[in-house]
C-alpha atoms as a PDB file:
ATOM      1  CA  MET A   1     102.654  26.901  73.413  1.00  0.00           C
ATOM      2  CA  ASN A   2     103.306  30.308  74.884  1.00  0.00           C
ATOM      3  CA  VAL A   3     104.263  31.520  71.471  1.00  0.00           C
ATOM      4  CA  ARG A   4     100.892  30.409  70.078  1.00  0.00           C
ATOM      5  CA  ARG A   5      99.001  32.177  72.813  1.00  0.00           C
ATOM      6  CA  LEU A   6     101.028  35.310  72.319  1.00  0.00           C
ATOM      7  CA  THR A   7     100.405  35.250  68.574  1.00  0.00           C
ATOM      8  CA  ALA A   8      96.692  34.646  69.053  1.00  0.00           C
ATOM      9  CA  GLY A   9      96.498  37.543  71.530  1.00  0.00           C
ATOM     10  CA  LEU A  10      98.263  39.846  69.104  1.00  0.00           C
ATOM     11  CA  LEU A  11      95.907  38.861  66.303  1.00  0.00           C
ATOM     12  CA  VAL A  12      92.881  39.556  68.494  1.00  0.00           C
ATOM     13  CA  LEU A  13      94.277  42.949  69.494  1.00  0.00           C
ATOM     14  CA  ALA A  14      95.070  43.864  65.908  1.00  0.00           C
ATOM     15  CA  SER A  15      91.561  42.993  64.774  1.00  0.00           C
ATOM     16  CA  CYS A  16      90.038  45.261  67.464  1.00  0.00           C
ATOM     17  CA  HIS A  17      91.735  48.369  66.120  1.00  0.00           C
ATOM     18  CA  HIS A  18      89.210  50.860  64.716  1.00  0.00           C
ATOM     19  CA  PRO A  19      90.167  53.566  62.235  1.00  0.00           C
ATOM     20  CA  PRO A  20      89.919  57.107  63.633  1.00  0.00           C
ATOM     21  CA  ARG A  21      86.694  58.987  63.027  1.00  0.00           C
ATOM     22  CA  PRO A  22      86.892  61.922  60.693  1.00  0.00           C
ATOM     23  CA  ALA A  23      86.901  65.262  62.505  1.00  0.00           C
ATOM     24  CA  ALA A  24      83.633  67.143  62.552  1.00  0.00           C
ATOM     25  CA  PRO A  25      83.679  70.154  60.247  1.00  0.00           C
ATOM     26  CA  PRO A  26      84.033  73.450  62.101  1.00  0.00           C
ATOM     27  CA  PRO A  27      80.760  75.344  62.471  1.00  0.00           C
ATOM     28  CA  ALA A  28      80.149  78.224  60.143  1.00  0.00           C
ATOM     29  CA  ALA A  29      81.263  81.601  61.491  1.00  0.00           C
ATOM     30  CA  ASP A  30      77.719  82.935  61.660  1.00  0.00           C
ATOM     31  CA  THR A  31      76.400  79.929  63.608  1.00  0.00           C
ATOM     32  CA  VAL A  32      78.894  79.943  66.469  1.00  0.00           C
ATOM     33  CA  THR A  33      77.008  79.970  69.734  1.00  0.00           C
ATOM     34  CA  VAL A  34      78.592  81.079  72.938  1.00  0.00           C
ATOM     35  CA  PRO A  35      77.024  79.666  76.048  1.00  0.00           C
ATOM     36  CA  SER A  36      75.363  82.387  78.041  1.00  0.00           C
ATOM     37  CA  PRO A  37      76.394  82.827  81.645  1.00  0.00           C
ATOM     38  CA  PRO A  38      73.834  81.963  84.268  1.00  0.00           C
ATOM     39  CA  PRO A  39      71.592  84.868  85.215  1.00  0.00           C
ATOM     40  CA  GLU A  40      72.948  87.021  88.012  1.00  0.00           C
ATOM     41  CA  PRO A  41      70.880  86.891  91.192  1.00  0.00           C
ATOM     42  CA  PRO A  42      68.954  90.087  91.981  1.00  0.00           C
ATOM     43  CA  TRP A  43      70.821  90.658  95.254  1.00  0.00           C
ATOM     44  CA  ALA A  44      74.222  90.579  93.528  1.00  0.00           C
ATOM     45  CA  ARG A  45      73.046  93.244  91.050  1.00  0.00           C
ATOM     46  CA  THR A  46      71.568  95.294  93.877  1.00  0.00           C
ATOM     47  CA  VAL A  47      74.749  95.230  95.977  1.00  0.00           C
ATOM     48  CA  ALA A  48      76.855  96.172  92.944  1.00  0.00           C
ATOM     49  CA  ALA A  49      74.583  99.135  92.224  1.00  0.00           C
ATOM     50  CA  VAL A  50      74.574 100.208  95.897  1.00  0.00           C
ATOM     51  CA  ARG A  51      78.367 100.061  96.089  1.00  0.00           C
ATOM     52  CA  ALA A  52      78.717 102.089  92.893  1.00  0.00           C
ATOM     53  CA  ALA A  53      76.268 104.718  94.153  1.00  0.00           C
ATOM     54  CA  ALA A  54      77.934 104.967  97.582  1.00  0.00           C
ATOM     55  CA  ASP A  55      81.414 105.135  96.045  1.00  0.00           C
ATOM     56  CA  SER A  56      80.297 108.089  93.944  1.00  0.00           C
ATOM     57  CA  GLY A  57      78.752 109.827  96.973  1.00  0.00           C
ATOM     58  CA  GLN A  58      75.140 109.213  95.963  1.00  0.00           C
ATOM     59  CA  PHE A  59      73.962 107.871  99.309  1.00  0.00           C
ATOM     60  CA  SER A  60      70.286 108.670  98.809  1.00  0.00           C
ATOM     61  CA  THR A  61      70.359 106.766  95.512  1.00  0.00           C
ATOM     62  CA  ALA A  62      72.006 103.799  97.227  1.00  0.00           C
ATOM     63  CA  ASP A  63      69.331 103.839  99.933  1.00  0.00           C
ATOM     64  CA  SER A  64      66.593 104.053  97.272  1.00  0.00           C
ATOM     65  CA  ILE A  65      68.053 101.020  95.481  1.00  0.00           C
ATOM     66  CA  LEU A  66      67.940  99.045  98.728  1.00  0.00           C
ATOM     67  CA  ALA A  67      64.381 100.187  99.466  1.00  0.00           C
ATOM     68  CA  ALA A  68      63.299  99.105  95.974  1.00  0.00           C
ATOM     69  CA  PHE A  69      64.911  95.688  96.542  1.00  0.00           C
ATOM     70  CA  ASP A  70      63.039  95.357  99.848  1.00  0.00           C
ATOM     71  CA  ARG A  71      59.729  96.134  98.116  1.00  0.00           C
ATOM     72  CA  SER A  72      60.299  93.825  95.146  1.00  0.00           C
ATOM     73  CA  HIS A  73      61.731  90.868  97.117  1.00  0.00           C
ATOM     74  CA  PRO A  74      60.044  90.993 100.547  1.00  0.00           C
ATOM     75  CA  GLU A  75      60.360  87.240 101.117  1.00  0.00           C
ATOM     76  CA  SER A  76      64.017  87.052 100.124  1.00  0.00           C
ATOM     77  CA  PRO A  77      66.533  86.173 102.840  1.00  0.00           C
ATOM     78  CA  ASP A  78      68.624  88.996 101.380  1.00  0.00           C
ATOM     79  CA  VAL A  79      66.211  91.567 102.843  1.00  0.00           C
ATOM     80  CA  THR A  80      68.148  91.296 106.120  1.00  0.00           C
ATOM     81  CA  GLU A  81      71.336  92.018 104.175  1.00  0.00           C
ATOM     82  CA  SER A  82      69.605  95.041 102.732  1.00  0.00           C
ATOM     83  CA  ALA A  83      68.910  96.235 106.285  1.00  0.00           C
ATOM     84  CA  PHE A  84      72.602  95.795 107.098  1.00  0.00           C
ATOM     85  CA  TRP A  85      73.653  97.859 104.074  1.00  0.00           C
ATOM     86  CA  ARG A  86      71.152 100.611 104.871  1.00  0.00           C
ATOM     87  CA  ALA A  87      72.553 100.876 108.398  1.00  0.00           C
ATOM     88  CA  ILE A  88      76.103 100.963 107.060  1.00  0.00           C
ATOM     89  CA  LEU A  89      75.189 103.788 104.667  1.00  0.00           C
ATOM     90  CA  ARG A  90      73.733 105.796 107.579  1.00  0.00           C
ATOM     91  CA  ALA A  91      76.974 105.227 109.521  1.00  0.00           C
ATOM     92  CA  ASP A  92      79.201 106.577 106.735  1.00  0.00           C
ATOM     93  CA  PRO A  93      80.472 110.036 107.731  1.00  0.00           C
ATOM     94  CA  ARG A  94      80.623 111.042 104.048  1.00  0.00           C
ATOM     95  CA  ASN A  95      76.849 110.673 103.879  1.00  0.00           C
ATOM     96  CA  PRO A  96      75.078 114.041 104.206  1.00  0.00           C
ATOM     97  CA  ALA A  97      72.354 112.155 106.121  1.00  0.00           C
ATOM     98  CA  PHE A  98      74.974 110.750 108.544  1.00  0.00           C
ATOM     99  CA  ASP A  99      73.076 109.528 111.588  1.00  0.00           C
ATOM    100  CA  PRO A 100      75.013 107.327 114.017  1.00  0.00           C
ATOM    101  CA  ASP A 101      71.976 106.762 116.264  1.00  0.00           C
ATOM    102  CA  SER A 102      69.874 105.542 113.346  1.00  0.00           C
ATOM    103  CA  ALA A 103      72.785 103.435 112.093  1.00  0.00           C
ATOM    104  CA  ARG A 104      73.197 101.889 115.539  1.00  0.00           C
ATOM    105  CA  GLY A 105      69.474 101.070 115.663  1.00  0.00           C
ATOM    106  CA  GLY A 106      69.613  99.520 112.208  1.00  0.00           C
ATOM    107  CA  ILE A 107      72.621  97.378 113.073  1.00  0.00           C
ATOM    108  CA  GLU A 108      71.049  96.253 116.345  1.00  0.00           C
ATOM    109  CA  ALA A 109      67.873  95.309 114.453  1.00  0.00           C
ATOM    110  CA  TYR A 110      69.994  93.411 111.914  1.00  0.00           C
ATOM    111  CA  LEU A 111      71.732  91.495 114.701  1.00  0.00           C
ATOM    112  CA  ALA A 112      68.338  90.650 116.215  1.00  0.00           C
ATOM    113  CA  SER A 113      67.168  89.117 112.918  1.00  0.00           C
ATOM    114  CA  PRO A 114      67.416  85.336 112.531  1.00  0.00           C
ATOM    115  CA  ASN A 115      70.843  84.165 111.324  1.00  0.00           C
ATOM    116  CA  PRO A 116      72.463  87.428 110.215  1.00  0.00           C
ATOM    117  CA  ARG A 117      75.275  86.595 107.787  1.00  0.00           C
ATOM    118  CA  ARG A 118      77.447  89.538 108.802  1.00  0.00           C
ATOM    119  CA  ARG A 119      77.284  89.163 112.567  1.00  0.00           C
ATOM    120  CA  THR A 120      80.996  89.891 113.019  1.00  0.00           C
ATOM    121  CA  GLU A 121      80.981  92.948 110.742  1.00  0.00           C
ATOM    122  CA  ALA A 122      77.874  94.309 112.462  1.00  0.00           C
ATOM    123  CA  GLY A 123      79.451  93.816 115.888  1.00  0.00           C
ATOM    124  CA  VAL A 124      82.584  95.630 114.779  1.00  0.00           C
ATOM    125  CA  MET A 125      80.488  98.459 113.341  1.00  0.00           C
ATOM    126  CA  LEU A 126      78.622  98.833 116.643  1.00  0.00           C
ATOM    127  CA  LYS A 127      81.931  99.087 118.500  1.00  0.00           C
ATOM    128  CA  MET A 128      83.201 101.636 115.997  1.00  0.00           C
ATOM    129  CA  LEU A 129      80.029 103.703 116.400  1.00  0.00           C
ATOM    130  CA  GLU A 130      80.489 103.605 120.191  1.00  0.00           C
ATOM    131  CA  LEU A 131      84.093 104.729 119.767  1.00  0.00           C
ATOM    132  CA  SER A 132      82.986 107.452 117.375  1.00  0.00           C
ATOM    133  CA  ASP A 133      80.373 108.626 119.892  1.00  0.00           C
ATOM    134  CA  SER A 134      82.931 108.765 122.701  1.00  0.00           C
ATOM    135  CA  LEU A 135      85.349 110.695 120.467  1.00  0.00           C
ATOM    136  CA  ARG A 136      82.614 113.160 119.513  1.00  0.00           C
ATOM    137  CA  ALA A 137      81.682 113.579 123.192  1.00  0.00           C
ATOM    138  CA  ALA A 138      85.332 114.139 124.148  1.00  0.00           C
ATOM    139  CA  GLN A 139      85.699 116.633 121.330  1.00  0.00           C
ATOM    140  CA  ALA A 140      82.559 118.469 122.443  1.00  0.00           C
ATOM    141  CA  THR A 141      83.894 118.578 126.013  1.00  0.00           C
ATOM    142  CA  GLN A 142      87.217 119.915 124.803  1.00  0.00           C
ATOM    143  CA  ARG A 143      85.488 122.478 122.628  1.00  0.00           C
ATOM    144  CA  SER A 144      83.301 123.722 125.483  1.00  0.00           C
ATOM    145  CA  ALA A 145      86.326 123.825 127.826  1.00  0.00           C
ATOM    146  CA  ALA A 146      88.258 125.807 125.220  1.00  0.00           C
ATOM    147  CA  GLU A 147      85.309 128.173 124.746  1.00  0.00           C
ATOM    148  CA  ALA A 148      85.039 128.657 128.528  1.00  0.00           C
ATOM    149  CA  ARG A 149      88.792 129.300 128.728  1.00  0.00           C
ATOM    150  CA  ASP A 150      88.609 131.777 125.830  1.00  0.00           C
ATOM    151  CA  HIS A 151      85.649 133.531 127.470  1.00  0.00           C
ATOM    152  CA  ALA A 152      87.520 133.768 130.787  1.00  0.00           C
ATOM    153  CA  GLN A 153      90.572 135.154 128.973  1.00  0.00           C
ATOM    154  CA  GLU A 154      88.431 137.723 127.161  1.00  0.00           C
ATOM    155  CA  GLU A 155      86.890 138.796 130.468  1.00  0.00           C
ATOM    156  CA  GLU A 156      90.346 139.066 132.058  1.00  0.00           C
ATOM    157  CA  ILE A 157      91.648 141.090 129.109  1.00  0.00           C
ATOM    158  CA  GLN A 158      88.619 143.397 129.311  1.00  0.00           C
ATOM    159  CA  LYS A 159      89.153 143.819 133.058  1.00  0.00           C
ATOM    160  CA  LEU A 160      92.825 144.688 132.456  1.00  0.00           C
ATOM    161  CA  ARG A 161      91.812 147.167 129.731  1.00  0.00           C
ATOM    162  CA  ASP A 162      89.299 148.776 132.089  1.00  0.00           C
ATOM    163  CA  ASP A 163      91.962 148.988 134.844  1.00  0.00           C
ATOM    164  CA  LEU A 164      94.443 150.463 132.378  1.00  0.00           C
ATOM    165  CA  GLN A 165      91.877 152.984 131.209  1.00  0.00           C
ATOM    166  CA  ARG A 166      91.079 154.018 134.823  1.00  0.00           C
ATOM    167  CA  THR A 167      94.786 154.287 135.604  1.00  0.00           C
ATOM    168  CA  GLN A 168      95.355 156.344 132.452  1.00  0.00           C
ATOM    169  CA  ALA A 169      92.461 158.625 133.394  1.00  0.00           C
ATOM    170  CA  GLU A 170      93.880 159.024 136.913  1.00  0.00           C
ATOM    171  CA  LEU A 171      97.318 159.882 135.474  1.00  0.00           C
ATOM    172  CA  ASP A 172      95.776 162.424 133.121  1.00  0.00           C
ATOM    173  CA  ARG A 173      93.887 163.990 136.059  1.00  0.00           C
ATOM    174  CA  ILE A 174      97.100 164.159 138.121  1.00  0.00           C
ATOM    175  CA  LYS A 175      99.005 165.714 135.192  1.00  0.00           C
ATOM    176  CA  ARG A 176      96.321 168.372 134.759  1.00  0.00           C
ATOM    177  CA  ARG A 177      96.336 169.179 138.451  1.00  0.00           C
ATOM    178  CA  LEU A 178     100.136 169.393 138.560  1.00  0.00           C
ATOM    179  CA  GLY A 179     100.221 171.405 135.377  1.00  0.00           C
ATOM    180  CA  ALA A 180      97.631 173.872 136.677  1.00  0.00           C
ATOM    181  CA  LYS A 181      99.717 174.880 139.764  1.00  0.00           C
ATOM    182  CA  PRO A 182     102.545 177.304 139.018  1.00  0.00           C
END
């Protein structure tokens, strides 16, 4: 009985076998279509252009690109990111328009905006600007101390020259007086 069931099962399985479908012909070479990538969001293009401009030293161009993005996408959440990038550009010492105070203000405004994405980076940049300010202040103090020291040295040297000149004149006067008496 088991043999009959086994045979019947094999017959049913064999009858269910379908022949393979013929392969679809390959498309003609001139009709091959490549799926197009999804369109790149405007912010991604903007950031790429800003980075390229900043890397090549064209900071005013980078700022103009960000300003144009702000005007063309005023309702975009990426406008706050644009503010972050503008502040970062102002904080770059390579930028001829380097302005740490303006950069600090821009970063503080960015941090005050709702849900800034780069809160950590902005906080670090503020600390770096503070450090930069303290280094510049220390350097200015050192420079003025060095200038004061140099000025004091120049005055001392001039005083010594004047003393030497008076002493030399006195010696010349004594020589003339001694030379005049036979």
